């Protein structure tokens, strides 16, 4: 079986890591069939506080991600290796 690498970008890396080590995904990683790397979007955030969110347009509740941190992370990863697909 070919080795698969998945780079996952998230604002909550600690919450995402644990489930990825369980069940089928965990076994695939243990057996060397898959490698899942979790990247913290806050590492690419803007300013002193590594801000990744923006004010919701039109008001209302919720969180809007700034595109700059997402693009910075994706561009850094693409500079390091070639990906078959990038899924947002």
N, C-alpha and C. Protein backbone atom coordinates (compact mmCIF):
# COMPACT_ATOMS: atom_id res chain seq x y z
N UNK A 1 0.84 -1.18 0.00
CA UNK A 1 0.00 0.00 0.00
C UNK A 1 0.89 1.24 0.00
N UNK A 2 0.58 2.24 -0.82
CA UNK A 2 1.43 3.44 -0.88
C UNK A 2 1.31 4.28 0.39
N UNK A 3 2.39 4.98 0.67
CA UNK A 3 2.42 5.89 1.82
C UNK A 3 1.67 7.16 1.45
N UNK A 4 0.78 7.59 2.32
CA UNK A 4 -0.03 8.79 2.10
C UNK A 4 0.35 9.81 3.15
N UNK A 5 0.52 11.05 2.71
CA UNK A 5 0.78 12.15 3.66
C UNK A 5 -0.37 13.12 3.57
N UNK A 6 -0.89 13.48 4.74
CA UNK A 6 -1.96 14.47 4.83
C UNK A 6 -1.49 15.58 5.75
N UNK A 7 -1.50 16.81 5.26
CA UNK A 7 -1.20 17.98 6.07
C UNK A 7 -2.52 18.65 6.39
N UNK A 8 -2.84 18.74 7.66
CA UNK A 8 -4.11 19.30 8.11
C UNK A 8 -3.83 20.64 8.79
N UNK A 9 -4.48 21.68 8.32
CA UNK A 9 -4.33 23.02 8.89
C UNK A 9 -5.57 23.33 9.71
N UNK A 10 -5.36 23.71 10.98
CA UNK A 10 -6.49 23.96 11.86
C UNK A 10 -6.15 25.03 12.91
N UNK A 11 -7.18 25.67 13.41
CA UNK A 11 -7.01 26.65 14.49
C UNK A 11 -7.01 25.97 15.86
N UNK A 12 -7.37 24.68 15.89
CA UNK A 12 -7.45 23.95 17.15
C UNK A 12 -6.68 22.62 17.05
N UNK A 13 -5.36 22.68 16.93
CA UNK A 13 -4.59 21.46 16.69
C UNK A 13 -4.66 20.43 17.81
N UNK A 14 -4.73 20.87 19.05
CA UNK A 14 -4.77 19.91 20.17
C UNK A 14 -6.05 19.08 20.17
N UNK A 15 -7.14 19.68 19.75
CA UNK A 15 -8.42 18.97 19.69
C UNK A 15 -8.43 17.97 18.55
N UNK A 16 -7.74 18.27 17.46
CA UNK A 16 -7.76 17.44 16.26
C UNK A 16 -6.80 16.25 16.36
N UNK A 17 -5.67 16.42 17.03
CA UNK A 17 -4.64 15.37 17.06
C UNK A 17 -5.13 14.05 17.67
N UNK A 18 -5.78 14.11 18.79
CA UNK A 18 -6.18 12.89 19.50
C UNK A 18 -7.08 11.96 18.68
N UNK A 19 -8.15 12.46 18.06
CA UNK A 19 -8.99 11.54 17.27
C UNK A 19 -8.24 10.93 16.08
N UNK A 20 -7.24 11.62 15.56
CA UNK A 20 -6.48 11.10 14.43
C UNK A 20 -5.56 9.94 14.82
N UNK A 21 -5.34 9.76 16.11
CA UNK A 21 -4.50 8.67 16.57
C UNK A 21 -5.33 7.45 16.97
N UNK A 22 -6.64 7.52 16.78
CA UNK A 22 -7.52 6.42 17.16
C UNK A 22 -8.05 5.70 15.92
N UNK A 23 -8.56 4.54 16.13
CA UNK A 23 -9.27 3.76 15.12
C UNK A 23 -8.45 3.53 13.85
N UNK A 24 -9.09 3.59 12.71
CA UNK A 24 -8.45 3.28 11.43
C UNK A 24 -7.30 4.23 11.13
N UNK A 25 -7.50 5.51 11.39
CA UNK A 25 -6.45 6.50 11.11
C UNK A 25 -5.21 6.24 11.97
N UNK A 26 -5.41 5.89 13.22
CA UNK A 26 -4.31 5.59 14.11
C UNK A 26 -3.53 4.36 13.67
N UNK A 27 -4.26 3.31 13.28
CA UNK A 27 -3.60 2.09 12.81
C UNK A 27 -2.83 2.34 11.52
N UNK A 28 -3.39 3.11 10.62
CA UNK A 28 -2.69 3.42 9.36
C UNK A 28 -1.38 4.14 9.62
N UNK A 29 -1.38 5.04 10.60
CA UNK A 29 -0.15 5.76 10.93
C UNK A 29 0.85 4.83 11.61
N UNK A 30 0.38 4.00 12.54
CA UNK A 30 1.27 3.07 13.24
C UNK A 30 1.94 2.09 12.29
N UNK A 31 1.22 1.66 11.27
CA UNK A 31 1.75 0.68 10.31
C UNK A 31 2.53 1.34 9.17
N UNK A 32 2.63 2.67 9.19
CA UNK A 32 3.42 3.37 8.18
C UNK A 32 2.73 3.58 6.85
N UNK A 33 1.42 3.38 6.81
CA UNK A 33 0.68 3.58 5.56
C UNK A 33 0.30 5.05 5.36
N UNK A 34 0.20 5.79 6.44
CA UNK A 34 -0.23 7.18 6.37
C UNK A 34 0.57 8.02 7.36
N UNK A 35 0.74 9.26 6.99
CA UNK A 35 1.39 10.24 7.87
C UNK A 35 0.48 11.46 7.88
N UNK A 36 0.00 11.82 9.07
CA UNK A 36 -0.88 12.98 9.20
C UNK A 36 -0.18 14.01 10.05
N UNK A 37 0.05 15.18 9.46
CA UNK A 37 0.74 16.26 10.14
C UNK A 37 -0.26 17.38 10.38
N UNK A 38 -0.40 17.79 11.63
CA UNK A 38 -1.34 18.85 12.00
C UNK A 38 -0.55 20.15 12.15
N UNK A 39 -1.00 21.18 11.43
CA UNK A 39 -0.35 22.49 11.46
C UNK A 39 -1.27 23.48 12.18
N UNK A 40 -0.69 24.27 13.07
CA UNK A 40 -1.43 25.26 13.83
C UNK A 40 -1.53 26.54 13.01
N UNK A 41 -2.74 26.92 12.62
CA UNK A 41 -2.95 28.12 11.82
C UNK A 41 -2.48 29.38 12.54
N UNK A 42 -2.52 29.35 13.87
CA UNK A 42 -2.07 30.52 14.64
C UNK A 42 -0.58 30.81 14.44
N UNK A 43 0.20 29.81 14.03
CA UNK A 43 1.62 30.04 13.75
C UNK A 43 1.81 31.00 12.57
N UNK A 44 0.78 31.16 11.76
CA UNK A 44 0.85 32.03 10.58
C UNK A 44 -0.02 33.27 10.75
N UNK A 45 -0.54 33.47 11.97
CA UNK A 45 -1.43 34.59 12.26
C UNK A 45 -0.73 35.93 12.17
N UNK A 46 -1.53 36.96 12.18
CA UNK A 46 -1.06 38.33 11.97
C UNK A 46 -0.90 39.05 13.31
N UNK A 47 0.21 39.77 13.42
CA UNK A 47 0.44 40.62 14.58
C UNK A 47 0.97 39.90 15.80
N UNK A 48 1.04 40.66 16.88
CA UNK A 48 1.60 40.18 18.13
C UNK A 48 0.84 38.97 18.68
N UNK A 49 -0.47 38.95 18.47
CA UNK A 49 -1.31 37.89 19.03
C UNK A 49 -1.60 36.79 18.01
N UNK A 50 -0.95 36.82 16.87
CA UNK A 50 -1.13 35.79 15.82
C UNK A 50 -2.60 35.62 15.46
N UNK A 51 -3.24 36.74 15.21
CA UNK A 51 -4.68 36.77 14.94
C UNK A 51 -5.00 36.10 13.60
N UNK A 52 -6.02 35.24 13.61
CA UNK A 52 -6.44 34.57 12.38
C UNK A 52 -7.88 34.90 12.01
N UNK A 53 -8.62 35.52 12.91
CA UNK A 53 -10.03 35.81 12.62
C UNK A 53 -10.24 37.27 12.29
N UNK A 54 -11.37 37.54 11.67
CA UNK A 54 -11.73 38.89 11.24
C UNK A 54 -13.17 39.15 11.67
N UNK A 55 -13.58 40.39 11.56
CA UNK A 55 -14.94 40.78 11.91
C UNK A 55 -15.92 40.21 10.88
N UNK A 56 -17.01 39.59 11.32
CA UNK A 56 -17.98 39.08 10.34
C UNK A 56 -18.57 40.22 9.51
N UNK A 57 -18.56 40.05 8.22
CA UNK A 57 -19.11 41.08 7.33
C UNK A 57 -20.62 41.08 7.46
N UNK A 58 -21.19 42.26 7.65
CA UNK A 58 -22.63 42.36 7.82
C UNK A 58 -23.07 42.16 9.26
N UNK A 59 -22.11 41.99 10.17
CA UNK A 59 -22.45 41.80 11.57
C UNK A 59 -22.88 40.37 11.87
N UNK A 60 -23.35 40.17 13.07
CA UNK A 60 -23.82 38.84 13.46
C UNK A 60 -22.76 38.04 14.18
N UNK A 61 -23.17 36.89 14.65
CA UNK A 61 -22.27 36.03 15.41
C UNK A 61 -21.44 35.17 14.47
N UNK A 62 -20.37 34.63 15.01
CA UNK A 62 -19.54 33.72 14.23
C UNK A 62 -18.13 34.22 14.08
N UNK A 63 -17.34 33.45 13.38
CA UNK A 63 -15.94 33.78 13.18
C UNK A 63 -15.62 33.65 11.70
N UNK A 64 -14.96 34.64 11.17
CA UNK A 64 -14.51 34.64 9.78
C UNK A 64 -12.99 34.54 9.80
N UNK A 65 -12.42 33.58 9.09
CA UNK A 65 -10.97 33.47 9.01
C UNK A 65 -10.41 34.48 8.03
N UNK A 66 -9.30 35.09 8.40
CA UNK A 66 -8.58 35.94 7.46
C UNK A 66 -7.92 35.03 6.44
N UNK A 67 -7.85 35.46 5.20
CA UNK A 67 -7.25 34.60 4.17
C UNK A 67 -5.72 34.63 4.24
N UNK A 68 -5.11 35.70 4.75
CA UNK A 68 -3.66 35.80 4.77
C UNK A 68 -2.97 34.65 5.52
N UNK A 69 -3.41 34.31 6.75
CA UNK A 69 -2.76 33.19 7.44
C UNK A 69 -2.93 31.85 6.72
N UNK A 70 -4.10 31.63 6.15
CA UNK A 70 -4.34 30.38 5.43
C UNK A 70 -3.42 30.29 4.22
N UNK A 71 -3.37 31.36 3.42
CA UNK A 71 -2.51 31.37 2.24
C UNK A 71 -1.04 31.23 2.61
N UNK A 72 -0.62 31.89 3.69
CA UNK A 72 0.79 31.81 4.11
C UNK A 72 1.15 30.37 4.47
N UNK A 73 0.28 29.68 5.16
CA UNK A 73 0.55 28.29 5.54
C UNK A 73 0.57 27.39 4.32
N UNK A 74 -0.42 27.51 3.45
CA UNK A 74 -0.49 26.67 2.26
C UNK A 74 0.70 26.92 1.35
N UNK A 75 1.07 28.18 1.16
CA UNK A 75 2.22 28.50 0.31
C UNK A 75 3.52 27.95 0.88
N UNK A 76 3.68 27.99 2.20
CA UNK A 76 4.88 27.42 2.82
C UNK A 76 4.93 25.91 2.59
N UNK A 77 3.81 25.24 2.78
CA UNK A 77 3.78 23.79 2.57
C UNK A 77 4.03 23.43 1.11
N UNK A 78 3.45 24.20 0.19
CA UNK A 78 3.66 23.92 -1.24
C UNK A 78 5.09 24.19 -1.67
N UNK A 79 5.78 25.08 -0.98
CA UNK A 79 7.19 25.33 -1.29
C UNK A 79 8.08 24.17 -0.84
N UNK A 80 7.61 23.41 0.13
CA UNK A 80 8.39 22.29 0.67
C UNK A 80 8.17 20.98 -0.10
N UNK A 81 7.00 20.80 -0.72
CA UNK A 81 6.69 19.55 -1.43
C UNK A 81 5.57 19.79 -2.43
N UNK A 82 5.42 18.85 -3.33
CA UNK A 82 4.35 18.91 -4.33
C UNK A 82 3.17 18.09 -3.82
N UNK A 83 1.98 18.65 -3.93
CA UNK A 83 0.76 17.98 -3.48
C UNK A 83 -0.08 17.58 -4.68
N UNK A 84 -0.71 16.42 -4.60
CA UNK A 84 -1.64 15.99 -5.63
C UNK A 84 -2.89 16.86 -5.61
N UNK A 85 -3.35 17.21 -4.40
CA UNK A 85 -4.55 18.02 -4.25
C UNK A 85 -4.43 18.91 -3.01
N UNK A 86 -5.08 20.07 -3.09
CA UNK A 86 -5.24 20.94 -1.94
C UNK A 86 -6.73 21.11 -1.76
N UNK A 87 -7.24 20.72 -0.61
CA UNK A 87 -8.67 20.77 -0.35
C UNK A 87 -8.91 21.77 0.78
N UNK A 88 -9.81 22.71 0.55
CA UNK A 88 -10.16 23.70 1.56
C UNK A 88 -11.46 23.31 2.21
